[in-house]
Amino acid sequence: MIFTSNPSFSRQIKKTSKVMFIEEYHFGSITIDGKIYNHDVEARWTNKVLPFQFQQRHTFDVETIKKAVEQNPKIIIIGTGESGLAKVTNEAVNFVKEKGIELIIDKTEEAIKIFNTANEQSIVGLFHLTC
């Protein structure tokens, strides 16, 4: 599911050279630039990878995404898990939209593909690795 104020956004993403590259994702594990993480991650275009925790179980709410929004990226991509079971609250969606940030929400595997093709832009990916 893509939420964006620019309806042609998904067609604008072009494959470019990589600043950060997510090499592999399996249930509970993600490999970014050769390093394996076994926890949910926030991946920033600045090459920082940080852990994040849900404030509410398996729910991306305003508190969960606040640090990502504070980075003032052009795009935030949310990976909702292998089966897409993590939820994004309407308040979180509105919080991102009010800041003028493009928001893409999809299952983690698909969200990673988008992140990898768009990651020279100012982008933050929040990836839930289970459910």
C-alpha atoms as a PDB file:
ATOM      1  CA  MET A   1       0.000   0.000   0.000  1.00  0.00           C
ATOM      2  CA  ILE A   2       1.425   3.392  -0.939  1.00  0.00           C
ATOM      3  CA  PHE A   3       0.324   6.628   0.710  1.00  0.00           C
ATOM      4  CA  THR A   4       1.749   9.576  -1.112  1.00  0.00           C
ATOM      5  CA  SER A   5       0.814  13.117  -2.032  1.00  0.00           C
ATOM      6  CA  ASN A   6       2.492  12.509  -5.404  1.00  0.00           C
ATOM      7  CA  PRO A   7       0.508   9.850  -7.322  1.00  0.00           C
ATOM      8  CA  SER A   8       3.308   9.224  -9.847  1.00  0.00           C
ATOM      9  CA  PHE A   9       5.928   8.705  -7.114  1.00  0.00           C
ATOM     10  CA  SER A  10       6.139   4.929  -7.445  1.00  0.00           C
ATOM     11  CA  ARG A  11       6.923   5.311 -11.150  1.00  0.00           C
ATOM     12  CA  GLN A  12       9.653   7.889 -10.432  1.00  0.00           C
ATOM     13  CA  ILE A  13      11.936   5.570  -8.445  1.00  0.00           C
ATOM     14  CA  LYS A  14      14.953   4.648 -10.540  1.00  0.00           C
ATOM     15  CA  LYS A  15      17.739   2.236  -9.748  1.00  0.00           C
ATOM     16  CA  THR A  16      20.925   4.149  -8.936  1.00  0.00           C
ATOM     17  CA  SER A  17      24.248   3.453  -7.250  1.00  0.00           C
ATOM     18  CA  LYS A  18      23.848   2.526  -3.611  1.00  0.00           C
ATOM     19  CA  VAL A  19      24.777   4.381  -0.491  1.00  0.00           C
ATOM     20  CA  MET A  20      23.332   1.676   1.766  1.00  0.00           C
ATOM     21  CA  PHE A  21      22.183  -1.698   0.486  1.00  0.00           C
ATOM     22  CA  ILE A  22      19.944  -4.243   2.149  1.00  0.00           C
ATOM     23  CA  GLU A  23      21.331  -7.512   0.880  1.00  0.00           C
ATOM     24  CA  GLU A  24      19.040 -10.053   2.441  1.00  0.00           C
ATOM     25  CA  TYR A  25      15.899 -10.411   4.516  1.00  0.00           C
ATOM     26  CA  HIS A  26      14.494 -13.506   6.162  1.00  0.00           C
ATOM     27  CA  PHE A  27      11.967 -13.801   8.965  1.00  0.00           C
ATOM     28  CA  GLY A  28      13.716 -12.273  11.999  1.00  0.00           C
ATOM     29  CA  SER A  29      16.932 -11.277  10.199  1.00  0.00           C
ATOM     30  CA  ILE A  30      18.136  -8.553   7.844  1.00  0.00           C
ATOM     31  CA  THR A  31      21.589  -8.079   6.301  1.00  0.00           C
ATOM     32  CA  ILE A  32      22.627  -4.498   5.553  1.00  0.00           C
ATOM     33  CA  ASP A  33      26.022  -3.809   3.997  1.00  0.00           C
ATOM     34  CA  GLY A  34      27.310  -7.174   5.207  1.00  0.00           C
ATOM     35  CA  LYS A  35      26.127  -6.841   8.806  1.00  0.00           C
ATOM     36  CA  ILE A  36      23.350  -9.085  10.131  1.00  0.00           C
ATOM     37  CA  TYR A  37      20.684  -7.627  12.426  1.00  0.00           C
ATOM     38  CA  ASN A  38      18.252  -9.803  14.359  1.00  0.00           C
ATOM     39  CA  HIS A  39      15.978  -6.995  15.514  1.00  0.00           C
ATOM     40  CA  ASP A  40      13.701  -4.423  13.894  1.00  0.00           C
ATOM     41  CA  VAL A  41      15.742  -1.647  12.305  1.00  0.00           C
ATOM     42  CA  GLU A  42      15.570   1.958  11.220  1.00  0.00           C
ATOM     43  CA  ALA A  43      17.831   2.382   8.182  1.00  0.00           C
ATOM     44  CA  ARG A  44      18.748   5.944   7.225  1.00  0.00           C
ATOM     45  CA  TRP A  45      20.194   7.321   3.990  1.00  0.00           C
ATOM     46  CA  THR A  46      23.097   8.591   6.121  1.00  0.00           C
ATOM     47  CA  ASN A  47      24.255   4.947   6.480  1.00  0.00           C
ATOM     48  CA  LYS A  48      23.046   4.705  10.077  1.00  0.00           C
ATOM     49  CA  VAL A  49      21.219   1.561  11.150  1.00  0.00           C
ATOM     50  CA  LEU A  50      19.456   1.800  14.494  1.00  0.00           C
ATOM     51  CA  PRO A  51      17.221  -0.585  16.432  1.00  0.00           C
ATOM     52  CA  PHE A  52      13.658   0.477  17.055  1.00  0.00           C
ATOM     53  CA  GLN A  53      10.922  -0.866  19.287  1.00  0.00           C
ATOM     54  CA  PHE A  54       7.190  -0.594  19.022  1.00  0.00           C
ATOM     55  CA  GLN A  55       5.516   1.469  21.735  1.00  0.00           C
ATOM     56  CA  GLN A  56       2.415  -0.681  21.205  1.00  0.00           C
ATOM     57  CA  ARG A  57       2.783  -4.314  20.197  1.00  0.00           C
ATOM     58  CA  HIS A  58       3.227  -4.630  16.409  1.00  0.00           C
ATOM     59  CA  THR A  59       1.857  -1.152  15.789  1.00  0.00           C
ATOM     60  CA  PHE A  60       3.610   1.734  14.077  1.00  0.00           C
ATOM     61  CA  ASP A  61       2.213   4.690  15.996  1.00  0.00           C
ATOM     62  CA  VAL A  62       3.398   8.300  16.204  1.00  0.00           C
ATOM     63  CA  GLU A  63       5.892   7.508  18.980  1.00  0.00           C
ATOM     64  CA  THR A  64       7.386   4.611  17.007  1.00  0.00           C
ATOM     65  CA  ILE A  65       8.005   6.717  13.898  1.00  0.00           C
ATOM     66  CA  LYS A  66       8.849  10.044  15.559  1.00  0.00           C
ATOM     67  CA  LYS A  67      12.653   9.658  15.303  1.00  0.00           C
ATOM     68  CA  ALA A  68      12.371   8.826  11.618  1.00  0.00           C
ATOM     69  CA  VAL A  69      10.214  11.906  10.985  1.00  0.00           C
ATOM     70  CA  GLU A  70      12.662  14.094  12.950  1.00  0.00           C
ATOM     71  CA  GLN A  71      15.333  13.243  10.350  1.00  0.00           C
ATOM     72  CA  ASN A  72      13.211  15.200   7.849  1.00  0.00           C
ATOM     73  CA  PRO A  73      13.582  12.706   5.004  1.00  0.00           C
ATOM     74  CA  LYS A  74      11.796  13.008   1.689  1.00  0.00           C
ATOM     75  CA  ILE A  75      10.506   9.444   2.048  1.00  0.00           C
ATOM     76  CA  ILE A  76       9.686   7.067   4.894  1.00  0.00           C
ATOM     77  CA  ILE A  77       9.203   3.421   4.008  1.00  0.00           C
ATOM     78  CA  ILE A  78       7.551   1.131   6.540  1.00  0.00           C
ATOM     79  CA  GLY A  79       7.973  -2.627   6.271  1.00  0.00           C
ATOM     80  CA  THR A  80       5.107  -4.270   8.150  1.00  0.00           C
ATOM     81  CA  GLY A  81       6.676  -7.719   8.524  1.00  0.00           C
ATOM     82  CA  GLU A  82       6.870 -10.887   6.493  1.00  0.00           C
ATOM     83  CA  SER A  83       3.087 -11.310   6.365  1.00  0.00           C
ATOM     84  CA  GLY A  84       2.283  -7.626   6.746  1.00  0.00           C
ATOM     85  CA  LEU A  85       0.634  -8.066  10.129  1.00  0.00           C
ATOM     86  CA  ALA A  86       2.127  -5.007  11.841  1.00  0.00           C
ATOM     87  CA  LYS A  87      -0.284  -2.093  11.679  1.00  0.00           C
ATOM     88  CA  VAL A  88       0.246   1.614  11.009  1.00  0.00           C
ATOM     89  CA  THR A  89      -2.147   3.878  12.899  1.00  0.00           C
ATOM     90  CA  ASN A  90      -4.102   6.580  11.100  1.00  0.00           C
ATOM     91  CA  GLU A  91      -2.494   9.077  13.489  1.00  0.00           C
ATOM     92  CA  ALA A  92       0.965   7.969  12.321  1.00  0.00           C
ATOM     93  CA  VAL A  93      -0.027   8.254   8.657  1.00  0.00           C
ATOM     94  CA  ASN A  94      -1.420  11.737   9.234  1.00  0.00           C
ATOM     95  CA  PHE A  95       1.659  12.767  11.260  1.00  0.00           C
ATOM     96  CA  VAL A  96       3.937  11.889   8.336  1.00  0.00           C
ATOM     97  CA  LYS A  97       1.659  13.460   5.710  1.00  0.00           C
ATOM     98  CA  GLU A  98       1.426  16.709   7.717  1.00  0.00           C
ATOM     99  CA  LYS A  99       5.224  17.007   7.506  1.00  0.00           C
ATOM    100  CA  GLY A 100       5.095  16.693   3.712  1.00  0.00           C
ATOM    101  CA  ILE A 101       6.989  13.393   3.744  1.00  0.00           C
ATOM    102  CA  GLU A 102       6.166  10.662   1.232  1.00  0.00           C
ATOM    103  CA  LEU A 103       5.017   7.505   3.036  1.00  0.00           C
ATOM    104  CA  ILE A 104       5.204   4.011   1.609  1.00  0.00           C
ATOM    105  CA  ILE A 105       3.782   1.070   3.558  1.00  0.00           C
ATOM    106  CA  ASP A 106       4.218  -2.528   2.419  1.00  0.00           C
ATOM    107  CA  LYS A 107       5.282  -5.960   3.594  1.00  0.00           C
ATOM    108  CA  THR A 108       8.937  -5.883   4.607  1.00  0.00           C
ATOM    109  CA  GLU A 109      10.248  -7.779   1.582  1.00  0.00           C
ATOM    110  CA  GLU A 110       8.590  -5.352  -0.852  1.00  0.00           C
ATOM    111  CA  ALA A 111       9.488  -2.314   1.277  1.00  0.00           C
ATOM    112  CA  ILE A 112      13.156  -3.351   1.119  1.00  0.00           C
ATOM    113  CA  LYS A 113      13.051  -3.552  -2.686  1.00  0.00           C
ATOM    114  CA  ILE A 114      11.730   0.012  -2.834  1.00  0.00           C
ATOM    115  CA  PHE A 115      14.320   1.192  -0.293  1.00  0.00           C
ATOM    116  CA  ASN A 116      17.153  -0.343  -2.300  1.00  0.00           C
ATOM    117  CA  THR A 117      16.103   1.353  -5.525  1.00  0.00           C
ATOM    118  CA  ALA A 118      15.492   4.754  -3.927  1.00  0.00           C
ATOM    119  CA  ASN A 119      18.188   4.991  -1.291  1.00  0.00           C
ATOM    120  CA  GLU A 120      20.260   7.821  -2.725  1.00  0.00           C
ATOM    121  CA  GLN A 121      17.402  10.128  -1.824  1.00  0.00           C
ATOM    122  CA  SER A 122      16.888  11.224   1.760  1.00  0.00           C
ATOM    123  CA  ILE A 123      15.039   8.157   2.926  1.00  0.00           C
ATOM    124  CA  VAL A 124      14.367   6.296   6.153  1.00  0.00           C
ATOM    125  CA  GLY A 125      13.219   2.694   6.265  1.00  0.00           C
ATOM    126  CA  LEU A 126      11.528   1.201   9.314  1.00  0.00           C
ATOM    127  CA  PHE A 127      11.584  -2.551   8.918  1.00  0.00           C
ATOM    128  CA  HIS A 128       9.712  -4.996  11.132  1.00  0.00           C
ATOM    129  CA  LEU A 129      11.399  -8.371  10.691  1.00  0.00           C
ATOM    130  CA  THR A 130       8.831 -10.842  11.997  1.00  0.00           C
ATOM    131  CA  CYS A 131       5.038 -11.391  11.604  1.00  0.00           C
END
